[in-house]
Every structure is written in structure tokens, then in C-alpha cells.
Protein backbone atom coordinates (compact mmCIF):
# COMPACT_ATOMS: atom_id res chain seq x y z
CA MET A 1 113.62 81.43 109.22
CA SER A 2 112.42 80.14 112.56
CA LYS A 3 110.83 82.12 115.23
CA LYS A 4 113.42 80.76 117.72
CA LEU A 5 116.16 81.75 115.41
CA ILE A 6 115.03 85.22 115.32
CA SER A 7 114.64 85.31 118.90
CA ALA A 8 117.97 83.97 119.62
CA THR A 9 119.69 86.75 117.30
CA ILE A 10 117.58 89.48 118.88
CA LEU A 11 118.38 88.45 122.52
CA ILE A 12 122.15 88.07 121.72
CA ILE A 13 122.22 91.73 120.26
CA ILE A 14 119.96 93.22 122.99
CA GLY A 15 122.34 91.52 125.52
CA GLU A 16 125.66 93.40 123.70
CA LEU A 17 123.88 96.52 123.54
CA LEU A 18 123.13 96.39 127.46
CA SER A 19 126.74 95.47 127.78
CA LEU A 20 128.07 98.30 125.72
CA ALA A 21 125.40 100.77 127.50
CA ARG A 22 126.91 99.47 130.93
CA VAL A 23 130.34 100.42 129.61
CA TYR A 24 129.33 103.85 128.40
CA PHE A 25 127.46 104.63 131.53
CA THR A 26 130.08 103.75 133.89
CA GLU A 27 132.61 105.67 132.32
CA ALA A 28 130.81 108.74 131.05
CA MET A 29 128.96 109.35 134.16
CA SER A 30 130.67 109.25 137.61
CA GLY A 31 127.65 109.11 139.43
CA PHE A 32 126.34 106.06 137.78
CA PRO A 33 125.81 103.65 140.89
CA ASP A 34 127.57 100.48 141.03
CA PHE A 35 124.14 98.64 141.81
CA LEU A 36 122.77 99.54 138.56
CA ALA A 37 125.75 98.63 136.60
CA GLY A 38 125.70 95.30 138.22
CA ILE A 39 122.07 94.89 137.28
CA ILE A 40 122.48 95.92 133.72
CA LEU A 41 125.66 93.38 133.62
CA ILE A 42 123.46 90.35 135.23
CA LEU A 43 120.73 91.29 132.50
CA SER A 44 122.93 91.27 129.48
CA ILE A 45 124.51 88.03 130.54
CA ILE A 46 121.18 86.35 131.02
CA LEU A 47 119.86 87.68 128.03
CA GLU A 48 122.94 86.39 125.84
CA VAL A 49 122.73 83.03 127.34
CA VAL A 50 119.34 82.49 126.78
CA GLY A 51 119.82 83.33 123.34
CA ILE A 52 122.97 80.99 122.96
CA ILE A 53 120.73 78.10 124.09
CA LEU A 54 117.90 79.23 121.71
CA LEU A 55 120.39 79.35 118.84
CA PHE A 56 121.93 75.77 119.83
CA ILE A 57 118.55 74.40 120.15
CA CYS A 58 117.70 75.73 116.67
CA ILE A 59 120.98 73.88 115.16
CA ALA A 60 120.09 70.64 116.90
CA ASN A 61 116.56 70.55 115.58
CA TYR A 62 117.78 71.99 111.89
CA GLY A 63 117.90 68.60 109.96
CA LYS A 64 114.31 67.20 111.79
CA LYS A 65 111.58 67.00 109.98
CA LYS A 66 108.05 68.42 112.00
């Protein structure tokens, strides 16, 4: 596997974990600030988008030779 594909997979997984952590902390802890929840949401979205872009780059370059 290429490094871009592994990186894309890891970024998508970390983005999903951050999204789940945000949901858990906002429901479990009533004192969790909305500002921190927003930052975690933005980070998770950015990581997932970058992972998806890397994944599309890997798919586009799959058939090409180096």
C-alpha cells in the first residue's frame, strides 16, 4: 500500500474518533464548553476532508506508472 493511502485512512479514522469524542463529551459532561466542542468539530471535519482528498488522489493515480 502507498503511504498516501495509509495516511488517508488514518486521517479519516482520527476524524471520526474526534467526532465521536465530541458527541460523548457534550452529552456526558454538562460543563463542556461549546467553544471546545466547536473546535473539535472543526478539527474532525478538516481531518476527514483531507483524508478524503488524499484517498481520491490515490484512486486517480492508481493506474499510472511511476
